[in-house]
């Protein structure tokens, strides 16, 4: 097919880490270990929460959702990246690229909303403890989690569909290791300034809105904690939020840097580094953060491990 004198792309080539040819095998091993650790760690958290009745609370319901989301999130990018580290021809069809962007962007926005939901859960628990069981009953938790997923699906399905109505021409070389939004849009053989402005506005609204909600929630939470008369009470209240604060900082720090910086600031190298942070490093750190900094999860994990050992001995 032709668009003027330019051939329309039927497949893309991902540059990935081609400039580090001598380190391809080393990178493969490193990313494979991180991927297996992330999937195993998050799956462990889900199993521990599922099998421990004392963890059947709203906070851990949302944590299990987050762990499931993180497994899907990293799986939308890393397996293909691992394959491309072992092969010479790093191609992906336009349809495959679109499918990856659908999954990746939907999961990314869903995580933004889910982190805001988790902040709301902590806000109610600390600021309105007497109303907690009423305001955060199981049906409310299901609706909040469902709303997070529906927001991600509706918004990002529309945005990705719109992006892939653009004609892509030329060599179809993506300066990235997966089909991220801006590297793909840059391949369009039409003026994309309006598209980029809309993408920026959507990112601003749907990334910043949950972020501002989280910030406002934690301002109220911190003020409430500081008013508590007991030091032990303040420590306990803050400890239930510290893990979530760390995860939010990691996720939003890289997301804001990537999607809200000016177009002129985007370079292939900086895009790859920040993308590695939110696609590989952050999902890998989440199980560590929520186990090492969470006394209840650690105790539940130890009990589950001890039960398995006793069964093997018997």
Protein backbone atom coordinates (compact mmCIF):
# COMPACT_ATOMS: atom_id res chain seq x y z
CA UNK A 1 0.00 0.00 0.00
CA UNK A 2 1.06 3.59 -0.65
CA UNK A 3 0.47 6.88 1.06
CA UNK A 4 1.68 9.36 -1.55
CA UNK A 5 5.18 8.06 -2.28
CA UNK A 6 5.69 6.34 1.07
CA UNK A 7 5.01 2.68 1.81
CA UNK A 8 2.75 2.03 4.77
CA UNK A 9 4.27 -0.17 7.48
CA UNK A 10 3.02 -3.71 7.95
CA UNK A 11 5.46 -4.38 10.79
CA UNK A 12 7.72 -2.46 13.14
CA UNK A 13 11.31 -3.05 14.21
CA UNK A 14 12.11 -2.51 17.88
CA UNK A 15 15.60 -1.13 18.40
CA UNK A 16 15.54 -2.36 22.01
CA UNK A 17 19.14 -2.72 23.27
CA UNK A 18 20.82 -3.29 19.90
CA UNK A 19 23.58 -0.82 20.77
CA UNK A 20 24.62 -3.15 23.60
CA UNK A 21 25.15 -6.18 21.36
CA UNK A 22 27.89 -7.68 23.53
CA UNK A 23 25.65 -7.51 26.62
CA UNK A 24 22.52 -9.09 25.11
CA UNK A 25 22.95 -12.42 26.93
CA UNK A 26 23.76 -10.72 30.23
CA UNK A 27 20.67 -8.50 29.89
CA UNK A 28 18.58 -11.57 29.05
CA UNK A 29 19.64 -13.31 32.28
CA UNK A 30 19.13 -10.17 34.40
CA UNK A 31 15.66 -9.43 33.01
CA UNK A 32 14.63 -13.09 33.16
CA UNK A 33 15.58 -13.29 36.84
CA UNK A 34 13.72 -10.03 37.58
CA UNK A 35 10.67 -11.25 35.67
CA UNK A 36 10.53 -14.63 37.46
CA UNK A 37 11.10 -12.91 40.81
CA UNK A 38 8.31 -10.41 40.12
CA UNK A 39 5.78 -13.01 39.01
CA UNK A 40 6.74 -15.38 41.84
CA UNK A 41 6.70 -12.63 44.47
CA UNK A 42 3.34 -11.21 43.47
CA UNK A 43 1.83 -14.67 43.09
CA UNK A 44 3.06 -15.49 46.60
CA UNK A 45 1.40 -12.36 48.00
CA UNK A 46 -1.90 -13.32 46.34
CA UNK A 47 -1.73 -16.89 47.68
CA UNK A 48 -0.82 -15.74 51.20
CA UNK A 49 -3.73 -13.27 51.26
CA UNK A 50 -6.11 -15.86 49.78
CA UNK A 51 -5.21 -18.56 52.35
CA UNK A 52 -5.05 -16.32 55.44
CA UNK A 53 -8.49 -15.36 56.84
CA UNK A 54 -7.04 -12.56 58.97
CA UNK A 55 -5.94 -10.82 55.76
CA UNK A 56 -9.42 -10.83 54.24
CA UNK A 57 -9.78 -7.09 54.72
CA UNK A 58 -10.20 -4.22 52.20
CA UNK A 59 -6.53 -3.22 52.41
CA UNK A 60 -5.31 -6.69 51.46
CA UNK A 61 -8.08 -7.16 48.90
CA UNK A 62 -6.69 -4.13 47.04
CA UNK A 63 -3.13 -5.37 47.57
CA UNK A 64 -4.04 -8.71 45.95
CA UNK A 65 -5.56 -6.78 43.04
CA UNK A 66 -2.38 -4.72 42.73
CA UNK A 67 -0.20 -7.85 42.76
CA UNK A 68 -2.32 -9.46 40.02
CA UNK A 69 -2.14 -6.26 38.00
CA UNK A 70 1.65 -6.07 38.39
CA UNK A 71 2.05 -9.64 37.11
CA UNK A 72 0.00 -8.79 34.01
CA UNK A 73 1.77 -5.44 33.62
CA UNK A 74 5.29 -6.85 33.50
CA UNK A 75 4.11 -9.79 31.37
CA UNK A 76 2.85 -7.39 28.70
CA UNK A 77 6.41 -6.20 28.04
CA UNK A 78 9.19 -8.41 29.37
CA UNK A 79 8.55 -11.79 27.62
CA UNK A 80 8.75 -10.15 24.19
CA UNK A 81 11.81 -8.16 25.28
CA UNK A 82 13.49 -11.41 26.37
CA UNK A 83 12.84 -12.97 22.96
CA UNK A 84 14.26 -9.91 21.18
CA UNK A 85 17.43 -10.12 23.27
CA UNK A 86 18.08 -13.57 21.75
CA UNK A 87 17.18 -12.96 18.11
CA UNK A 88 18.72 -10.80 15.42
CA UNK A 89 15.46 -9.67 13.79
CA UNK A 90 13.50 -7.71 16.40
CA UNK A 91 10.21 -7.21 14.53
CA UNK A 92 6.59 -7.00 15.61
CA UNK A 93 3.49 -6.74 13.44
CA UNK A 94 1.38 -3.59 13.56
CA UNK A 95 -1.47 -5.66 15.03
CA UNK A 96 0.88 -7.15 17.63
CA UNK A 97 2.17 -3.69 18.50
CA UNK A 98 -1.39 -2.43 18.91
CA UNK A 99 -2.27 -5.41 21.13
CA UNK A 100 0.74 -4.74 23.34
CA UNK A 101 -0.14 -1.06 23.64
CA UNK A 102 -3.77 -1.89 24.49
CA UNK A 103 -2.72 -4.21 27.34
CA UNK A 104 0.12 -2.06 28.62
CA UNK A 105 -1.79 1.25 28.67
CA UNK A 106 -4.95 -0.28 30.14
CA UNK A 107 -2.96 -1.85 32.97
CA UNK A 108 -0.99 1.36 33.53
CA UNK A 109 -4.06 3.56 33.94
CA UNK A 110 -5.80 0.88 36.02
CA UNK A 111 -2.82 0.91 38.38
CA UNK A 112 -3.09 4.71 38.70
CA UNK A 113 -6.74 4.35 39.72
CA UNK A 114 -6.09 1.37 41.98
CA UNK A 115 -3.35 3.21 43.87
CA UNK A 116 -5.82 6.07 44.41
CA UNK A 117 -8.39 3.56 45.68
CA UNK A 118 -5.83 2.15 48.11
CA UNK A 119 -5.14 5.69 49.35
CA UNK A 120 -8.88 6.19 49.91
CA UNK A 121 -8.98 2.94 51.91
CA UNK A 122 -6.19 4.19 54.20
CA UNK A 123 -7.88 7.61 54.43
CA UNK A 124 -11.15 6.08 55.69
CA UNK A 125 -9.35 3.64 58.02
CA UNK A 126 -7.30 6.36 59.74
CA UNK A 127 -9.49 9.46 59.50
CA UNK A 128 -12.90 7.79 59.99
CA UNK A 129 -12.19 4.50 61.81
CA UNK A 130 -15.73 4.22 63.26
CA UNK A 131 -17.22 4.32 59.77
CA UNK A 132 -14.63 2.02 58.16
CA UNK A 133 -16.61 -1.23 58.14
CA UNK A 134 -19.67 0.58 56.77
CA UNK A 135 -17.94 2.65 54.10
CA UNK A 136 -15.56 -0.14 53.00
CA UNK A 137 -17.80 -3.21 53.02
CA UNK A 138 -17.10 -5.98 50.42
CA UNK A 139 -19.57 -4.63 47.86
CA UNK A 140 -17.98 -1.17 48.00
CA UNK A 141 -14.50 -2.68 47.58
CA UNK A 142 -15.63 -4.65 44.53
CA UNK A 143 -17.19 -1.53 43.00
CA UNK A 144 -14.04 0.53 43.59
CA UNK A 145 -11.78 -2.15 42.10
CA UNK A 146 -14.20 -2.59 39.18
CA UNK A 147 -14.29 1.16 38.58
CA UNK A 148 -10.48 1.22 38.42
CA UNK A 149 -10.44 -1.50 35.77
CA UNK A 150 -13.31 0.03 33.77
CA UNK A 151 -11.62 3.44 33.72
CA UNK A 152 -8.42 1.90 32.40
CA UNK A 153 -10.21 -0.17 29.78
CA UNK A 154 -12.51 2.57 28.45
CA UNK A 155 -9.99 5.43 28.35
CA UNK A 156 -6.98 3.56 27.03
CA UNK A 157 -8.94 1.45 24.53
CA UNK A 158 -10.24 4.67 22.99
CA UNK A 159 -6.79 6.31 22.99
CA UNK A 160 -4.93 3.31 21.54
CA UNK A 161 -7.59 2.75 18.86
CA UNK A 162 -7.23 6.40 17.88
CA UNK A 163 -3.42 6.15 17.71
CA UNK A 164 -3.58 3.14 15.39
CA UNK A 165 -5.85 4.95 12.93
CA UNK A 166 -2.73 6.94 12.00
CA UNK A 167 -0.80 5.86 8.89
CA UNK A 168 2.71 4.62 9.70
CA UNK A 169 5.31 4.96 6.99
CA UNK A 170 8.98 4.48 6.30
CA UNK A 171 11.27 1.94 7.93
CA UNK A 172 8.98 1.53 10.97
CA UNK A 173 11.87 1.57 13.44
CA UNK A 174 10.72 2.10 17.04
CA UNK A 175 13.44 3.57 19.25
CA UNK A 176 12.32 1.53 22.23
CA UNK A 177 12.09 -2.03 23.57
CA UNK A 178 8.27 -2.16 23.44
CA UNK A 179 5.37 -0.34 21.77
CA UNK A 180 5.09 2.67 24.05
CA UNK A 181 2.84 5.57 23.04
CA UNK A 182 5.22 8.35 22.01
CA UNK A 183 7.81 6.21 20.13
CA UNK A 184 4.96 4.74 18.04
CA UNK A 185 3.26 8.10 17.38
CA UNK A 186 6.59 9.48 16.10
CA UNK A 187 6.43 6.96 13.22
CA UNK A 188 3.23 8.41 11.78
CA UNK A 189 3.69 9.97 8.33
CA UNK A 190 1.23 12.80 9.04
CA UNK A 191 1.33 15.81 11.33
CA UNK A 192 0.77 14.43 14.85
CA UNK A 193 0.92 17.68 16.81
CA UNK A 194 -2.81 17.53 17.61
CA UNK A 195 -2.55 13.86 18.52
CA UNK A 196 0.34 14.57 20.85
CA UNK A 197 -1.56 17.42 22.48
CA UNK A 198 -4.59 15.16 23.09
CA UNK A 199 -2.33 12.40 24.47
CA UNK A 200 -0.71 14.95 26.79
CA UNK A 201 -4.12 16.22 27.98
CA UNK A 202 -5.41 12.67 28.57
CA UNK A 203 -2.23 11.83 30.50
CA UNK A 204 -2.55 15.05 32.49
CA UNK A 205 -6.15 14.33 33.45
CA UNK A 206 -6.00 10.61 34.10
CA UNK A 207 -2.52 10.44 35.65
CA UNK A 208 -2.61 13.68 37.62
CA UNK A 209 -6.18 13.31 38.94
CA UNK A 210 -5.45 10.08 40.86
CA UNK A 211 -2.10 11.53 41.90
CA UNK A 212 -3.70 14.69 43.33
CA UNK A 213 -6.34 12.58 45.06
CA UNK A 214 -3.59 10.50 46.67
CA UNK A 215 -1.72 13.63 47.79
CA UNK A 216 -4.88 15.17 49.30
CA UNK A 217 -5.70 11.89 51.05
CA UNK A 218 -2.25 11.68 52.61
CA UNK A 219 -2.31 15.30 53.73
CA UNK A 220 -5.47 14.47 55.70
CA UNK A 221 -3.99 11.18 56.89
CA UNK A 222 -0.79 12.82 58.14
CA UNK A 223 -2.70 15.59 59.92
CA UNK A 224 -4.90 12.96 61.61
CA UNK A 225 -1.88 10.86 62.64
CA UNK A 226 -0.13 13.90 64.15
CA UNK A 227 -3.18 14.58 66.32
CA UNK A 228 -3.12 11.07 67.82
CA UNK A 229 -2.21 11.22 71.52
CA UNK A 230 -0.24 7.97 71.61
CA UNK A 231 3.17 7.50 69.95
CA UNK A 232 2.39 3.81 69.48
CA UNK A 233 -0.88 4.71 67.76
CA UNK A 234 0.90 7.15 65.45
CA UNK A 235 3.52 4.55 64.57
CA UNK A 236 0.93 1.86 63.87
CA UNK A 237 -1.17 4.19 61.71
CA UNK A 238 1.81 5.37 59.70
CA UNK A 239 3.15 1.82 59.23
CA UNK A 240 -0.06 0.83 57.43
CA UNK A 241 0.59 3.62 54.88
CA UNK A 242 4.37 3.53 54.43
CA UNK A 243 4.43 0.68 51.90
CA UNK A 244 1.75 2.30 49.79
CA UNK A 245 3.58 5.65 49.86
CA UNK A 246 6.77 3.99 48.59
CA UNK A 247 4.94 2.21 45.75
CA UNK A 248 3.10 5.40 44.75
CA UNK A 249 6.37 7.37 44.75
CA UNK A 250 8.10 4.81 42.52
CA UNK A 251 5.21 4.44 40.09
CA UNK A 252 4.19 8.08 39.77
CA UNK A 253 7.74 9.39 39.77
CA UNK A 254 8.58 7.56 36.55
CA UNK A 255 5.09 7.92 35.01
CA UNK A 256 5.04 11.70 35.46
CA UNK A 257 8.58 12.02 34.14
CA UNK A 258 7.73 9.96 31.04
CA UNK A 259 4.28 11.15 29.99
CA UNK A 260 4.16 14.76 31.19
CA UNK A 261 7.57 16.04 30.12
CA UNK A 262 7.78 18.28 27.01
CA UNK A 263 8.26 16.61 23.62
CA UNK A 264 11.70 18.24 23.26
CA UNK A 265 12.88 16.44 26.41
CA UNK A 266 12.13 12.97 25.03
CA UNK A 267 15.20 11.06 23.87
CA UNK A 268 15.41 7.31 23.09
CA UNK A 269 17.90 6.69 25.92
CA UNK A 270 15.96 8.54 28.63
CA UNK A 271 12.70 6.93 27.47
CA UNK A 272 14.25 3.46 27.76
CA UNK A 273 15.69 4.09 31.21
CA UNK A 274 12.46 5.48 32.67
CA UNK A 275 10.43 2.75 30.94
CA UNK A 276 12.65 0.09 32.55
CA UNK A 277 11.87 1.66 35.92
CA UNK A 278 8.09 1.43 35.61
CA UNK A 279 7.87 -1.78 33.56
CA UNK A 280 10.51 -3.91 35.31
CA UNK A 281 12.01 -2.36 38.45
CA UNK A 282 8.84 -1.06 40.15
CA UNK A 283 6.84 -4.31 39.72
CA UNK A 284 9.88 -6.22 41.05
CA UNK A 285 10.17 -3.98 44.12
CA UNK A 286 6.48 -4.10 45.05
CA UNK A 287 6.57 -7.64 46.54
CA UNK A 288 9.69 -6.71 48.51
CA UNK A 289 8.13 -3.48 49.81
CA UNK A 290 4.87 -5.12 50.84
CA UNK A 291 6.52 -8.10 52.55
CA UNK A 292 9.55 -6.56 54.26
CA UNK A 293 7.60 -3.53 55.51
CA UNK A 294 4.35 -5.29 56.39
CA UNK A 295 4.32 -7.22 59.64
CA UNK A 296 0.99 -8.96 59.00
CA UNK A 297 2.03 -10.23 55.56
CA UNK A 298 5.38 -11.46 56.94
CA UNK A 299 3.66 -13.31 59.78
CA UNK A 300 1.08 -14.82 57.40
CA UNK A 301 3.84 -15.91 55.00
CA UNK A 302 5.74 -17.57 57.85
CA UNK A 303 2.61 -19.44 58.95
CA UNK A 304 1.89 -20.63 55.41
CA UNK A 305 5.51 -21.77 55.03
CA UNK A 306 5.42 -23.60 58.37
CA UNK A 307 2.17 -25.37 57.41
CA UNK A 308 3.76 -26.58 54.18
CA UNK A 309 6.85 -27.83 56.04
CA UNK A 310 4.69 -29.71 58.56
CA UNK A 311 2.76 -31.35 55.74
CA UNK A 312 5.98 -32.45 54.06
CA UNK A 313 7.34 -33.86 57.34
CA UNK A 314 4.08 -35.72 58.07
